[in-house]
Amino acid sequence: MNTMMFTPACATCIGQSGQVTVLAANGAVFVMLGALMVVFGVIFAIVVSFIRRARRLEAEVAQS
């Protein structure tokens, strides 16, 4: 039975430095981190926008 099919670690953990698969896995990790940064940045911007809008509305209601 070939046990190489059931390795518990990815190519980044067990690969040799400079291998194409290791470089690709490292690149994929950085792409995913970049995508997460964009998504969390958008969520943060939406929350800040809602807070500002609520404060502006509260100030307008208080003036009326």
PDB file of N, CA and C in Angstrom:
ATOM      1  N   MET A   1       0.839  -1.172   0.000  1.00  0.00           N
ATOM      2  CA  MET A   1       0.000   0.000   0.000  1.00  0.00           C
ATOM      3  C   MET A   1       0.889   1.242   0.000  1.00  0.00           C
ATOM      4  N   ASN A   2       0.527   2.188  -0.824  1.00  0.00           N
ATOM      5  CA  ASN A   2       1.294   3.417  -0.932  1.00  0.00           C
ATOM      6  C   ASN A   2       0.810   4.399   0.135  1.00  0.00           C
ATOM      7  N   THR A   3       1.687   4.729   1.075  1.00  0.00           N
ATOM      8  CA  THR A   3       1.297   5.640   2.155  1.00  0.00           C
ATOM      9  C   THR A   3       1.505   7.094   1.779  1.00  0.00           C
ATOM     10  N   MET A   4       2.076   7.369   0.632  1.00  0.00           N
ATOM     11  CA  MET A   4       2.299   8.751   0.221  1.00  0.00           C
ATOM     12  C   MET A   4       0.984   9.472  -0.076  1.00  0.00           C
ATOM     13  N   MET A   5      -0.075   8.731  -0.335  1.00  0.00           N
ATOM     14  CA  MET A   5      -1.363   9.348  -0.612  1.00  0.00           C
ATOM     15  C   MET A   5      -2.009   9.892   0.653  1.00  0.00           C
ATOM     16  N   PHE A   6      -1.552   9.455   1.808  1.00  0.00           N
ATOM     17  CA  PHE A   6      -2.191   9.817   3.064  1.00  0.00           C
ATOM     18  C   PHE A   6      -1.266  10.633   3.963  1.00  0.00           C
ATOM     19  N   THR A   7      -0.477  11.499   3.379  1.00  0.00           N
ATOM     20  CA  THR A   7       0.416  12.317   4.192  1.00  0.00           C
ATOM     21  C   THR A   7      -0.392  13.388   4.914  1.00  0.00           C
ATOM     22  N   PRO A   8      -0.115  13.591   6.191  1.00  0.00           N
ATOM     23  CA  PRO A   8      -0.893  14.566   6.954  1.00  0.00           C
ATOM     24  C   PRO A   8      -0.460  16.014   6.741  1.00  0.00           C
ATOM     25  N   ALA A   9       0.655  16.246   6.075  1.00  0.00           N
ATOM     26  CA  ALA A   9       1.161  17.606   5.902  1.00  0.00           C
ATOM     27  C   ALA A   9       1.114  17.995   4.434  1.00  0.00           C
ATOM     28  N   CYS A  10       1.083  19.295   4.189  1.00  0.00           N
ATOM     29  CA  CYS A  10       1.036  19.786   2.815  1.00  0.00           C
ATOM     30  C   CYS A  10       2.445  19.918   2.250  1.00  0.00           C
ATOM     31  N   ALA A  11       2.530  20.319   1.008  1.00  0.00           N
ATOM     32  CA  ALA A  11       3.833  20.447   0.353  1.00  0.00           C
ATOM     33  C   ALA A  11       4.688  21.530   0.990  1.00  0.00           C
ATOM     34  N   THR A  12       4.073  22.512   1.587  1.00  0.00           N
ATOM     35  CA  THR A  12       4.839  23.578   2.234  1.00  0.00           C
ATOM     36  C   THR A  12       5.578  23.047   3.455  1.00  0.00           C
ATOM     37  N   CYS A  13       4.954  22.141   4.187  1.00  0.00           N
ATOM     38  CA  CYS A  13       5.574  21.626   5.410  1.00  0.00           C
ATOM     39  C   CYS A  13       6.648  20.585   5.119  1.00  0.00           C
ATOM     40  N   ILE A  14       6.413  19.708   4.146  1.00  0.00           N
ATOM     41  CA  ILE A  14       7.336  18.599   3.931  1.00  0.00           C
ATOM     42  C   ILE A  14       8.141  18.724   2.647  1.00  0.00           C
ATOM     43  N   GLY A  15       7.921  19.761   1.877  1.00  0.00           N
ATOM     44  CA  GLY A  15       8.622  19.910   0.607  1.00  0.00           C
ATOM     45  C   GLY A  15      10.025  20.454   0.777  1.00  0.00           C
ATOM     46  N   GLN A  16      10.832  20.245  -0.247  1.00  0.00           N
ATOM     47  CA  GLN A  16      12.192  20.776  -0.235  1.00  0.00           C
ATOM     48  C   GLN A  16      12.168  22.207  -0.746  1.00  0.00           C
ATOM     49  N   SER A  17      13.075  23.001  -0.239  1.00  0.00           N
ATOM     50  CA  SER A  17      13.139  24.398  -0.637  1.00  0.00           C
ATOM     51  C   SER A  17      13.444  24.506  -2.125  1.00  0.00           C
ATOM     52  N   GLY A  18      12.663  25.311  -2.825  1.00  0.00           N
ATOM     53  CA  GLY A  18      12.885  25.529  -4.244  1.00  0.00           C
ATOM     54  C   GLY A  18      12.062  24.644  -5.156  1.00  0.00           C
ATOM     55  N   GLN A  19      11.345  23.664  -4.624  1.00  0.00           N
ATOM     56  CA  GLN A  19      10.494  22.823  -5.459  1.00  0.00           C
ATOM     57  C   GLN A  19       9.336  23.646  -5.999  1.00  0.00           C
ATOM     58  N   VAL A  20       8.900  23.281  -7.187  1.00  0.00           N
ATOM     59  CA  VAL A  20       7.815  24.016  -7.831  1.00  0.00           C
ATOM     60  C   VAL A  20       6.531  23.922  -7.009  1.00  0.00           C
ATOM     61  N   THR A  21       6.230  22.757  -6.470  1.00  0.00           N
ATOM     62  CA  THR A  21       4.994  22.605  -5.692  1.00  0.00           C
ATOM     63  C   THR A  21       5.037  23.427  -4.406  1.00  0.00           C
ATOM     64  N   VAL A  22       6.204  23.511  -3.792  1.00  0.00           N
ATOM     65  CA  VAL A  22       6.348  24.307  -2.572  1.00  0.00           C
ATOM     66  C   VAL A  22       6.182  25.787  -2.897  1.00  0.00           C
ATOM     67  N   LEU A  23       6.792  26.236  -3.979  1.00  0.00           N
ATOM     68  CA  LEU A  23       6.657  27.634  -4.386  1.00  0.00           C
ATOM     69  C   LEU A  23       5.210  27.969  -4.723  1.00  0.00           C
ATOM     70  N   ALA A  24       4.526  27.039  -5.388  1.00  0.00           N
ATOM     71  CA  ALA A  24       3.120  27.259  -5.731  1.00  0.00           C
ATOM     72  C   ALA A  24       2.251  27.301  -4.476  1.00  0.00           C
ATOM     73  N   ALA A  25       2.522  26.415  -3.524  1.00  0.00           N
ATOM     74  CA  ALA A  25       1.743  26.409  -2.281  1.00  0.00           C
ATOM     75  C   ALA A  25       1.981  27.691  -1.491  1.00  0.00           C
ATOM     76  N   ASN A  26       3.224  28.145  -1.440  1.00  0.00           N
ATOM     77  CA  ASN A  26       3.515  29.401  -0.748  1.00  0.00           C
ATOM     78  C   ASN A  26       2.827  30.577  -1.441  1.00  0.00           C
ATOM     79  N   GLY A  27       2.839  30.582  -2.762  1.00  0.00           N
ATOM     80  CA  GLY A  27       2.155  31.635  -3.506  1.00  0.00           C
ATOM     81  C   GLY A  27       0.661  31.621  -3.247  1.00  0.00           C
ATOM     82  N   ALA A  28       0.085  30.431  -3.174  1.00  0.00           N
ATOM     83  CA  ALA A  28      -1.350  30.316  -2.906  1.00  0.00           C
ATOM     84  C   ALA A  28      -1.695  30.848  -1.519  1.00  0.00           C
ATOM     85  N   VAL A  29      -0.819  30.602  -0.559  1.00  0.00           N
ATOM     86  CA  VAL A  29      -1.048  31.116   0.792  1.00  0.00           C
ATOM     87  C   VAL A  29      -1.062  32.639   0.773  1.00  0.00           C
ATOM     88  N   PHE A  30      -0.117  33.248   0.064  1.00  0.00           N
ATOM     89  CA  PHE A  30      -0.069  34.708   0.003  1.00  0.00           C
ATOM     90  C   PHE A  30      -1.270  35.286  -0.742  1.00  0.00           C
ATOM     91  N   VAL A  31      -1.729  34.607  -1.777  1.00  0.00           N
ATOM     92  CA  VAL A  31      -2.925  35.064  -2.501  1.00  0.00           C
ATOM     93  C   VAL A  31      -4.148  35.007  -1.585  1.00  0.00           C
ATOM     94  N   MET A  32      -4.277  33.929  -0.822  1.00  0.00           N
ATOM     95  CA  MET A  32      -5.407  33.816   0.096  1.00  0.00           C
ATOM     96  C   MET A  32      -5.340  34.870   1.200  1.00  0.00           C
ATOM     97  N   LEU A  33      -4.142  35.145   1.710  1.00  0.00           N
ATOM     98  CA  LEU A  33      -3.999  36.201   2.712  1.00  0.00           C
ATOM     99  C   LEU A  33      -4.388  37.559   2.128  1.00  0.00           C
ATOM    100  N   GLY A  34      -3.992  37.811   0.898  1.00  0.00           N
ATOM    101  CA  GLY A  34      -4.375  39.058   0.238  1.00  0.00           C
ATOM    102  C   GLY A  34      -5.879  39.162   0.057  1.00  0.00           C
ATOM    103  N   ALA A  35      -6.500  38.062  -0.339  1.00  0.00           N
ATOM    104  CA  ALA A  35      -7.955  38.064  -0.514  1.00  0.00           C
ATOM    105  C   ALA A  35      -8.661  38.298   0.817  1.00  0.00           C
ATOM    106  N   LEU A  36      -8.165  37.679   1.880  1.00  0.00           N
ATOM    107  CA  LEU A  36      -8.757  37.896   3.199  1.00  0.00           C
ATOM    108  C   LEU A  36      -8.603  39.341   3.650  1.00  0.00           C
ATOM    109  N   MET A  37      -7.456  39.941   3.358  1.00  0.00           N
ATOM    110  CA  MET A  37      -7.248  41.342   3.718  1.00  0.00           C
ATOM    111  C   MET A  37      -8.248  42.240   2.999  1.00  0.00           C
ATOM    112  N   VAL A  38      -8.500  41.955   1.734  1.00  0.00           N
ATOM    113  CA  VAL A  38      -9.467  42.750   0.975  1.00  0.00           C
ATOM    114  C   VAL A  38     -10.868  42.582   1.557  1.00  0.00           C
ATOM    115  N   VAL A  39     -11.268  41.353   1.829  1.00  0.00           N
ATOM    116  CA  VAL A  39     -12.611  41.090   2.353  1.00  0.00           C
ATOM    117  C   VAL A  39     -12.792  41.745   3.722  1.00  0.00           C
ATOM    118  N   PHE A  40     -11.826  41.560   4.616  1.00  0.00           N
ATOM    119  CA  PHE A  40     -11.941  42.164   5.946  1.00  0.00           C
ATOM    120  C   PHE A  40     -11.868  43.685   5.874  1.00  0.00           C
ATOM    121  N   GLY A  41     -11.104  44.204   4.938  1.00  0.00           N
ATOM    122  CA  GLY A  41     -11.051  45.653   4.752  1.00  0.00           C
ATOM    123  C   GLY A  41     -12.385  46.217   4.315  1.00  0.00           C
ATOM    124  N   VAL A  42     -13.058  45.524   3.412  1.00  0.00           N
ATOM    125  CA  VAL A  42     -14.381  45.965   2.955  1.00  0.00           C
ATOM    126  C   VAL A  42     -15.389  45.895   4.102  1.00  0.00           C
ATOM    127  N   ILE A  43     -15.356  44.819   4.871  1.00  0.00           N
ATOM    128  CA  ILE A  43     -16.266  44.693   6.015  1.00  0.00           C
ATOM    129  C   ILE A  43     -16.014  45.817   7.013  1.00  0.00           C
ATOM    130  N   PHE A  44     -14.750  46.107   7.292  1.00  0.00           N
ATOM    131  CA  PHE A  44     -14.400  47.191   8.215  1.00  0.00           C
ATOM    132  C   PHE A  44     -14.903  48.534   7.685  1.00  0.00           C
ATOM    133  N   ALA A  45     -14.727  48.775   6.389  1.00  0.00           N
ATOM    134  CA  ALA A  45     -15.179  50.037   5.794  1.00  0.00           C
ATOM    135  C   ALA A  45     -16.695  50.173   5.875  1.00  0.00           C
ATOM    136  N   ILE A  46     -17.414  49.089   5.685  1.00  0.00           N
ATOM    137  CA  ILE A  46     -18.873  49.130   5.780  1.00  0.00           C
ATOM    138  C   ILE A  46     -19.309  49.444   7.206  1.00  0.00           C
ATOM    139  N   VAL A  47     -18.669  48.816   8.182  1.00  0.00           N
ATOM    140  CA  VAL A  47     -19.014  49.074   9.585  1.00  0.00           C
ATOM    141  C   VAL A  47     -18.738  50.528   9.939  1.00  0.00           C
ATOM    142  N   VAL A  48     -17.587  51.050   9.522  1.00  0.00           N
ATOM    143  CA  VAL A  48     -17.259  52.453   9.789  1.00  0.00           C
ATOM    144  C   VAL A  48     -18.269  53.368   9.110  1.00  0.00           C
ATOM    145  N   SER A  49     -18.661  53.035   7.895  1.00  0.00           N
ATOM    146  CA  SER A  49     -19.655  53.837   7.180  1.00  0.00           C
ATOM    147  C   SER A  49     -20.992  53.847   7.915  1.00  0.00           C
ATOM    148  N   PHE A  50     -21.413  52.697   8.422  1.00  0.00           N
ATOM    149  CA  PHE A  50     -22.667  52.631   9.172  1.00  0.00           C
ATOM    150  C   PHE A  50     -22.587  53.450  10.457  1.00  0.00           C
ATOM    151  N   ILE A  51     -21.450  53.405  11.133  1.00  0.00           N
ATOM    152  CA  ILE A  51     -21.285  54.183  12.368  1.00  0.00           C
ATOM    153  C   ILE A  51     -21.359  55.674  12.066  1.00  0.00           C
ATOM    154  N   ARG A  52     -20.663  56.103  11.027  1.00  0.00           N
ATOM    155  CA  ARG A  52     -20.699  57.526  10.656  1.00  0.00           C
ATOM    156  C   ARG A  52     -22.104  57.961  10.255  1.00  0.00           C
ATOM    157  N   ARG A  53     -22.778  57.116   9.502  1.00  0.00           N
ATOM    158  CA  ARG A  53     -24.135  57.450   9.067  1.00  0.00           C
ATOM    159  C   ARG A  53     -25.075  57.550  10.260  1.00  0.00           C
ATOM    160  N   ALA A  54     -24.932  56.645  11.223  1.00  0.00           N
ATOM    161  CA  ALA A  54     -25.785  56.684  12.412  1.00  0.00           C
ATOM    162  C   ALA A  54     -25.518  57.944  13.229  1.00  0.00           C
ATOM    163  N   ARG A  55     -24.251  58.325  13.367  1.00  0.00           N
ATOM    164  CA  ARG A  55     -23.928  59.545  14.112  1.00  0.00           C
ATOM    165  C   ARG A  55     -24.466  60.783  13.404  1.00  0.00           C
ATOM    166  N   ARG A  56     -24.346  60.813  12.081  1.00  0.00           N
ATOM    167  CA  ARG A  56     -24.851  61.953  11.321  1.00  0.00           C
ATOM    168  C   ARG A  56     -26.370  62.050  11.442  1.00  0.00           C
ATOM    169  N   LEU A  57     -27.050  60.927  11.354  1.00  0.00           N
ATOM    170  CA  LEU A  57     -28.504  60.918  11.494  1.00  0.00           C
ATOM    171  C   LEU A  57     -28.917  61.344  12.898  1.00  0.00           C
ATOM    172  N   GLU A  58     -28.186  60.876  13.906  1.00  0.00           N
ATOM    173  CA  GLU A  58     -28.488  61.251  15.284  1.00  0.00           C
ATOM    174  C   GLU A  58     -28.307  62.759  15.493  1.00  0.00           C
ATOM    175  N   ALA A  59     -27.276  63.330  14.886  1.00  0.00           N
ATOM    176  CA  ALA A  59     -27.045  64.774  15.002  1.00  0.00           C
ATOM    177  C   ALA A  59     -28.146  65.561  14.297  1.00  0.00           C
ATOM    178  N   GLU A  60     -28.604  65.085  13.148  1.00  0.00           N
ATOM    179  CA  GLU A  60     -29.682  65.766  12.431  1.00  0.00           C
ATOM    180  C   GLU A  60     -30.985  65.706  13.212  1.00  0.00           C
ATOM    181  N   VAL A  61     -31.261  64.579  13.838  1.00  0.00           N
ATOM    182  CA  VAL A  61     -32.487  64.437  14.623  1.00  0.00           C
ATOM    183  C   VAL A  61     -32.411  65.318  15.867  1.00  0.00           C
ATOM    184  N   ALA A  62     -31.237  65.428  16.470  1.00  0.00           N
ATOM    185  CA  ALA A  62     -31.078  66.253  17.677  1.00  0.00           C
ATOM    186  C   ALA A  62     -31.253  67.734  17.359  1.00  0.00           C
ATOM    187  N   GLN A  63     -30.880  68.157  16.156  1.00  0.00           N
ATOM    188  CA  GLN A  63     -31.020  69.558  15.766  1.00  0.00           C
ATOM    189  C   GLN A  63     -32.465  69.921  15.444  1.00  0.00           C
ATOM    190  N   SER A  64     -33.231  68.952  15.046  1.00  0.00           N
ATOM    191  CA  SER A  64     -34.622  69.222  14.640  1.00  0.00           C
ATOM    192  C   SER A  64     -35.532  69.498  15.800  1.00  0.00           C
TER     193      SER A  64
END
